């Protein structure tokens, strides 16, 4: 299921002033972006558990971001603004981005792909939640595969 009409319009409006002449949006969606290690998750849970005397449990999740995939770039907007797309956080030129490790995750409810950016040591993990899982397939298919 793609973004609802209102959110897609809001994301398109946020991206419009940033588009280059002739650039077109091909996909709008929402995903968790970042890389959260198992070690960090365990450490966060342990610290919160100790501080709260075991009464509170914490989890660390990737940051929600709205994605506008254009024919030239990947634009990532802050997704922590009460549902409405926020400011531009990351801009990646498509010719330098490739996707790898795309697969279903968490009991097949999510779709995860890893983005590699030429010249960068670390990539980005993009996790599409269940309601945007189909967008994950389309997003990964639009990018070259890292080899």
C-alpha atoms as a PDB file:
ATOM      1  CA  UNK A   1       0.000   0.000   0.000  1.00  0.00           C
ATOM      2  CA  UNK A   2       1.496   3.330  -1.041  1.00  0.00           C
ATOM      3  CA  UNK A   3       1.296   6.542   0.948  1.00  0.00           C
ATOM      4  CA  UNK A   4      -2.222   7.847   1.369  1.00  0.00           C
ATOM      5  CA  UNK A   5      -3.189  10.645  -1.000  1.00  0.00           C
ATOM      6  CA  UNK A   6      -2.739  13.425   1.566  1.00  0.00           C
ATOM      7  CA  UNK A   7       0.758  12.291   2.654  1.00  0.00           C
ATOM      8  CA  UNK A   8       1.860  11.742  -0.962  1.00  0.00           C
ATOM      9  CA  UNK A   9       0.687  15.281  -1.816  1.00  0.00           C
ATOM     10  CA  UNK A  10       2.495  16.735   1.237  1.00  0.00           C
ATOM     11  CA  UNK A  11       5.715  14.926   0.288  1.00  0.00           C
ATOM     12  CA  UNK A  12       5.424  16.039  -3.339  1.00  0.00           C
ATOM     13  CA  UNK A  13       4.885  19.634  -2.157  1.00  0.00           C
ATOM     14  CA  UNK A  14       7.930  19.419   0.152  1.00  0.00           C
ATOM     15  CA  UNK A  15      10.100  18.047  -2.671  1.00  0.00           C
ATOM     16  CA  UNK A  16       8.838  20.340  -5.469  1.00  0.00           C
ATOM     17  CA  UNK A  17      11.020  23.390  -4.669  1.00  0.00           C
ATOM     18  CA  UNK A  18      14.095  21.124  -4.538  1.00  0.00           C
ATOM     19  CA  UNK A  19      13.596  19.490  -7.925  1.00  0.00           C
ATOM     20  CA  UNK A  20      15.983  20.338 -10.730  1.00  0.00           C
ATOM     21  CA  UNK A  21      14.629  21.440 -14.095  1.00  0.00           C
ATOM     22  CA  UNK A  22      12.983  18.433 -15.766  1.00  0.00           C
ATOM     23  CA  UNK A  23      13.413  16.169 -12.696  1.00  0.00           C
ATOM     24  CA  UNK A  24      10.383  13.983 -11.933  1.00  0.00           C
ATOM     25  CA  UNK A  25       9.304  12.093  -8.813  1.00  0.00           C
ATOM     26  CA  UNK A  26       8.893   8.363  -9.512  1.00  0.00           C
ATOM     27  CA  UNK A  27       8.012   7.033  -6.048  1.00  0.00           C
ATOM     28  CA  UNK A  28       6.911   8.469  -2.700  1.00  0.00           C
ATOM     29  CA  UNK A  29       6.965   6.283   0.384  1.00  0.00           C
ATOM     30  CA  UNK A  30       7.841   6.023   4.080  1.00  0.00           C
ATOM     31  CA  UNK A  31      10.540   3.803   5.588  1.00  0.00           C
ATOM     32  CA  UNK A  32      12.863   3.478   8.567  1.00  0.00           C
ATOM     33  CA  UNK A  33      16.356   4.619   7.600  1.00  0.00           C
ATOM     34  CA  UNK A  34      19.539   3.970   9.507  1.00  0.00           C
ATOM     35  CA  UNK A  35      21.546   1.160  10.849  1.00  0.00           C
ATOM     36  CA  UNK A  36      20.885  -0.132  14.343  1.00  0.00           C
ATOM     37  CA  UNK A  37      23.290  -2.803  15.529  1.00  0.00           C
ATOM     38  CA  UNK A  38      22.231  -5.685  17.750  1.00  0.00           C
ATOM     39  CA  UNK A  39      24.879  -4.538  20.234  1.00  0.00           C
ATOM     40  CA  UNK A  40      23.335  -1.044  20.438  1.00  0.00           C
ATOM     41  CA  UNK A  41      19.842  -2.481  20.922  1.00  0.00           C
ATOM     42  CA  UNK A  42      21.045  -4.758  23.733  1.00  0.00           C
ATOM     43  CA  UNK A  43      23.027  -1.965  25.404  1.00  0.00           C
ATOM     44  CA  UNK A  44      20.072   0.455  25.291  1.00  0.00           C
ATOM     45  CA  UNK A  45      17.701  -2.160  26.714  1.00  0.00           C
ATOM     46  CA  UNK A  46      20.174  -3.018  29.498  1.00  0.00           C
ATOM     47  CA  UNK A  47      20.795   0.617  30.501  1.00  0.00           C
ATOM     48  CA  UNK A  48      17.086   1.511  30.548  1.00  0.00           C
ATOM     49  CA  UNK A  49      16.323  -1.677  32.469  1.00  0.00           C
ATOM     50  CA  UNK A  50      18.932  -0.904  35.141  1.00  0.00           C
ATOM     51  CA  UNK A  51      17.956   2.774  35.472  1.00  0.00           C
ATOM     52  CA  UNK A  52      14.248   1.991  35.720  1.00  0.00           C
ATOM     53  CA  UNK A  53      14.678  -0.978  38.034  1.00  0.00           C
ATOM     54  CA  UNK A  54      13.342  -3.282  35.328  1.00  0.00           C
ATOM     55  CA  UNK A  55       9.985  -1.507  35.052  1.00  0.00           C
ATOM     56  CA  UNK A  56      10.600   0.068  31.635  1.00  0.00           C
ATOM     57  CA  UNK A  57      11.711  -1.606  28.442  1.00  0.00           C
ATOM     58  CA  UNK A  58      13.238   0.315  25.525  1.00  0.00           C
ATOM     59  CA  UNK A  59      13.889  -0.469  21.901  1.00  0.00           C
ATOM     60  CA  UNK A  60      15.955   1.326  19.293  1.00  0.00           C
ATOM     61  CA  UNK A  61      14.488   1.594  15.815  1.00  0.00           C
ATOM     62  CA  UNK A  62      15.607   3.185  12.566  1.00  0.00           C
ATOM     63  CA  UNK A  63      14.518   6.797  12.050  1.00  0.00           C
ATOM     64  CA  UNK A  64      11.275   7.160  10.054  1.00  0.00           C
ATOM     65  CA  UNK A  65      11.820   9.118   6.836  1.00  0.00           C
ATOM     66  CA  UNK A  66       9.723  10.003   3.844  1.00  0.00           C
ATOM     67  CA  UNK A  67      11.411   9.023   0.588  1.00  0.00           C
ATOM     68  CA  UNK A  68      10.958  10.817  -2.713  1.00  0.00           C
ATOM     69  CA  UNK A  69      12.706   8.812  -5.423  1.00  0.00           C
ATOM     70  CA  UNK A  70      13.211  10.953  -8.514  1.00  0.00           C
ATOM     71  CA  UNK A  71      14.732  10.082 -11.857  1.00  0.00           C
ATOM     72  CA  UNK A  72      17.976  11.747 -10.629  1.00  0.00           C
ATOM     73  CA  UNK A  73      18.101  11.603  -6.820  1.00  0.00           C
ATOM     74  CA  UNK A  74      16.878  10.018  -3.621  1.00  0.00           C
ATOM     75  CA  UNK A  75      15.492  12.673  -1.270  1.00  0.00           C
ATOM     76  CA  UNK A  76      14.940  11.707   2.373  1.00  0.00           C
ATOM     77  CA  UNK A  77      12.745  13.924   4.561  1.00  0.00           C
ATOM     78  CA  UNK A  78      12.305  13.837   8.342  1.00  0.00           C
ATOM     79  CA  UNK A  79       9.375  11.595   9.289  1.00  0.00           C
ATOM     80  CA  UNK A  80       9.165  12.587  12.964  1.00  0.00           C
ATOM     81  CA  UNK A  81       6.882  15.598  12.541  1.00  0.00           C
ATOM     82  CA  UNK A  82       3.539  14.214  13.596  1.00  0.00           C
ATOM     83  CA  UNK A  83       3.064  12.400  10.317  1.00  0.00           C
ATOM     84  CA  UNK A  84       3.786  15.314   7.991  1.00  0.00           C
ATOM     85  CA  UNK A  85       7.060  15.267   5.991  1.00  0.00           C
ATOM     86  CA  UNK A  86       9.668  17.520   7.604  1.00  0.00           C
ATOM     87  CA  UNK A  87      12.863  19.077   6.290  1.00  0.00           C
ATOM     88  CA  UNK A  88      15.217  17.446   3.803  1.00  0.00           C
ATOM     89  CA  UNK A  89      17.696  15.323   5.759  1.00  0.00           C
ATOM     90  CA  UNK A  90      19.632  13.397   3.081  1.00  0.00           C
ATOM     91  CA  UNK A  91      20.036  13.866  -0.663  1.00  0.00           C
ATOM     92  CA  UNK A  92      21.718  11.094  -2.666  1.00  0.00           C
ATOM     93  CA  UNK A  93      22.482  11.267  -6.411  1.00  0.00           C
ATOM     94  CA  UNK A  94      21.093   8.077  -7.994  1.00  0.00           C
ATOM     95  CA  UNK A  95      24.131   7.373 -10.221  1.00  0.00           C
ATOM     96  CA  UNK A  96      26.211   6.821  -7.063  1.00  0.00           C
ATOM     97  CA  UNK A  97      23.731   4.645  -5.157  1.00  0.00           C
ATOM     98  CA  UNK A  98      23.242   0.887  -5.420  1.00  0.00           C
ATOM     99  CA  UNK A  99      21.038  -1.553  -3.505  1.00  0.00           C
ATOM    100  CA  UNK A 100      21.987  -4.910  -2.030  1.00  0.00           C
ATOM    101  CA  UNK A 101      20.720  -7.487   0.426  1.00  0.00           C
ATOM    102  CA  UNK A 102      17.070  -6.805  -0.377  1.00  0.00           C
ATOM    103  CA  UNK A 103      14.837  -9.283   1.434  1.00  0.00           C
ATOM    104  CA  UNK A 104      11.730  -9.783   3.522  1.00  0.00           C
ATOM    105  CA  UNK A 105      12.336  -9.460   7.239  1.00  0.00           C
ATOM    106  CA  UNK A 106      10.551  -9.811  10.571  1.00  0.00           C
ATOM    107  CA  UNK A 107       8.287 -12.726   9.665  1.00  0.00           C
ATOM    108  CA  UNK A 108       7.857 -11.397   6.122  1.00  0.00           C
ATOM    109  CA  UNK A 109       6.096  -8.268   7.367  1.00  0.00           C
ATOM    110  CA  UNK A 110       8.895  -5.848   6.438  1.00  0.00           C
ATOM    111  CA  UNK A 111      11.133  -5.379   3.428  1.00  0.00           C
ATOM    112  CA  UNK A 112      14.762  -4.388   3.973  1.00  0.00           C
ATOM    113  CA  UNK A 113      17.379  -3.201   1.514  1.00  0.00           C
ATOM    114  CA  UNK A 114      20.850  -1.782   2.048  1.00  0.00           C
ATOM    115  CA  UNK A 115      22.021   1.228   0.092  1.00  0.00           C
ATOM    116  CA  UNK A 116      25.674   1.651  -0.810  1.00  0.00           C
ATOM    117  CA  UNK A 117      26.946   5.061  -1.852  1.00  0.00           C
ATOM    118  CA  UNK A 118      30.086   5.255  -4.001  1.00  0.00           C
ATOM    119  CA  UNK A 119      32.992   6.641  -1.987  1.00  0.00           C
ATOM    120  CA  UNK A 120      31.357   6.014   1.406  1.00  0.00           C
ATOM    121  CA  UNK A 121      32.437   3.271   3.816  1.00  0.00           C
ATOM    122  CA  UNK A 122      29.068   2.839   5.481  1.00  0.00           C
ATOM    123  CA  UNK A 123      25.733   2.469   3.793  1.00  0.00           C
ATOM    124  CA  UNK A 124      22.147   2.906   4.857  1.00  0.00           C
ATOM    125  CA  UNK A 125      19.680   0.249   5.885  1.00  0.00           C
ATOM    126  CA  UNK A 126      16.183   1.058   4.615  1.00  0.00           C
ATOM    127  CA  UNK A 127      13.336  -0.837   6.302  1.00  0.00           C
ATOM    128  CA  UNK A 128       9.876  -0.650   4.750  1.00  0.00           C
ATOM    129  CA  UNK A 129       7.101  -1.452   7.246  1.00  0.00           C
ATOM    130  CA  UNK A 130       4.269  -3.814   6.383  1.00  0.00           C
ATOM    131  CA  UNK A 131       1.996  -1.104   4.946  1.00  0.00           C
ATOM    132  CA  UNK A 132       4.778   0.042   2.548  1.00  0.00           C
ATOM    133  CA  UNK A 133       6.425  -3.334   1.885  1.00  0.00           C
ATOM    134  CA  UNK A 134       5.463  -3.304  -1.825  1.00  0.00           C
ATOM    135  CA  UNK A 135       7.157   0.090  -2.155  1.00  0.00           C
ATOM    136  CA  UNK A 136      10.340  -1.568  -0.882  1.00  0.00           C
ATOM    137  CA  UNK A 137      10.346  -3.919  -3.871  1.00  0.00           C
ATOM    138  CA  UNK A 138       9.775  -1.016  -6.284  1.00  0.00           C
ATOM    139  CA  UNK A 139      12.442   1.125  -4.601  1.00  0.00           C
ATOM    140  CA  UNK A 140      15.113  -1.592  -4.707  1.00  0.00           C
ATOM    141  CA  UNK A 141      14.227  -2.551  -8.298  1.00  0.00           C
ATOM    142  CA  UNK A 142      14.725   1.086  -9.410  1.00  0.00           C
ATOM    143  CA  UNK A 143      18.374   1.071  -8.274  1.00  0.00           C
ATOM    144  CA  UNK A 144      21.349  -0.863  -9.652  1.00  0.00           C
ATOM    145  CA  UNK A 145      22.362  -3.917  -7.657  1.00  0.00           C
ATOM    146  CA  UNK A 146      25.641  -3.716  -5.766  1.00  0.00           C
ATOM    147  CA  UNK A 147      27.990  -6.353  -6.997  1.00  0.00           C
END
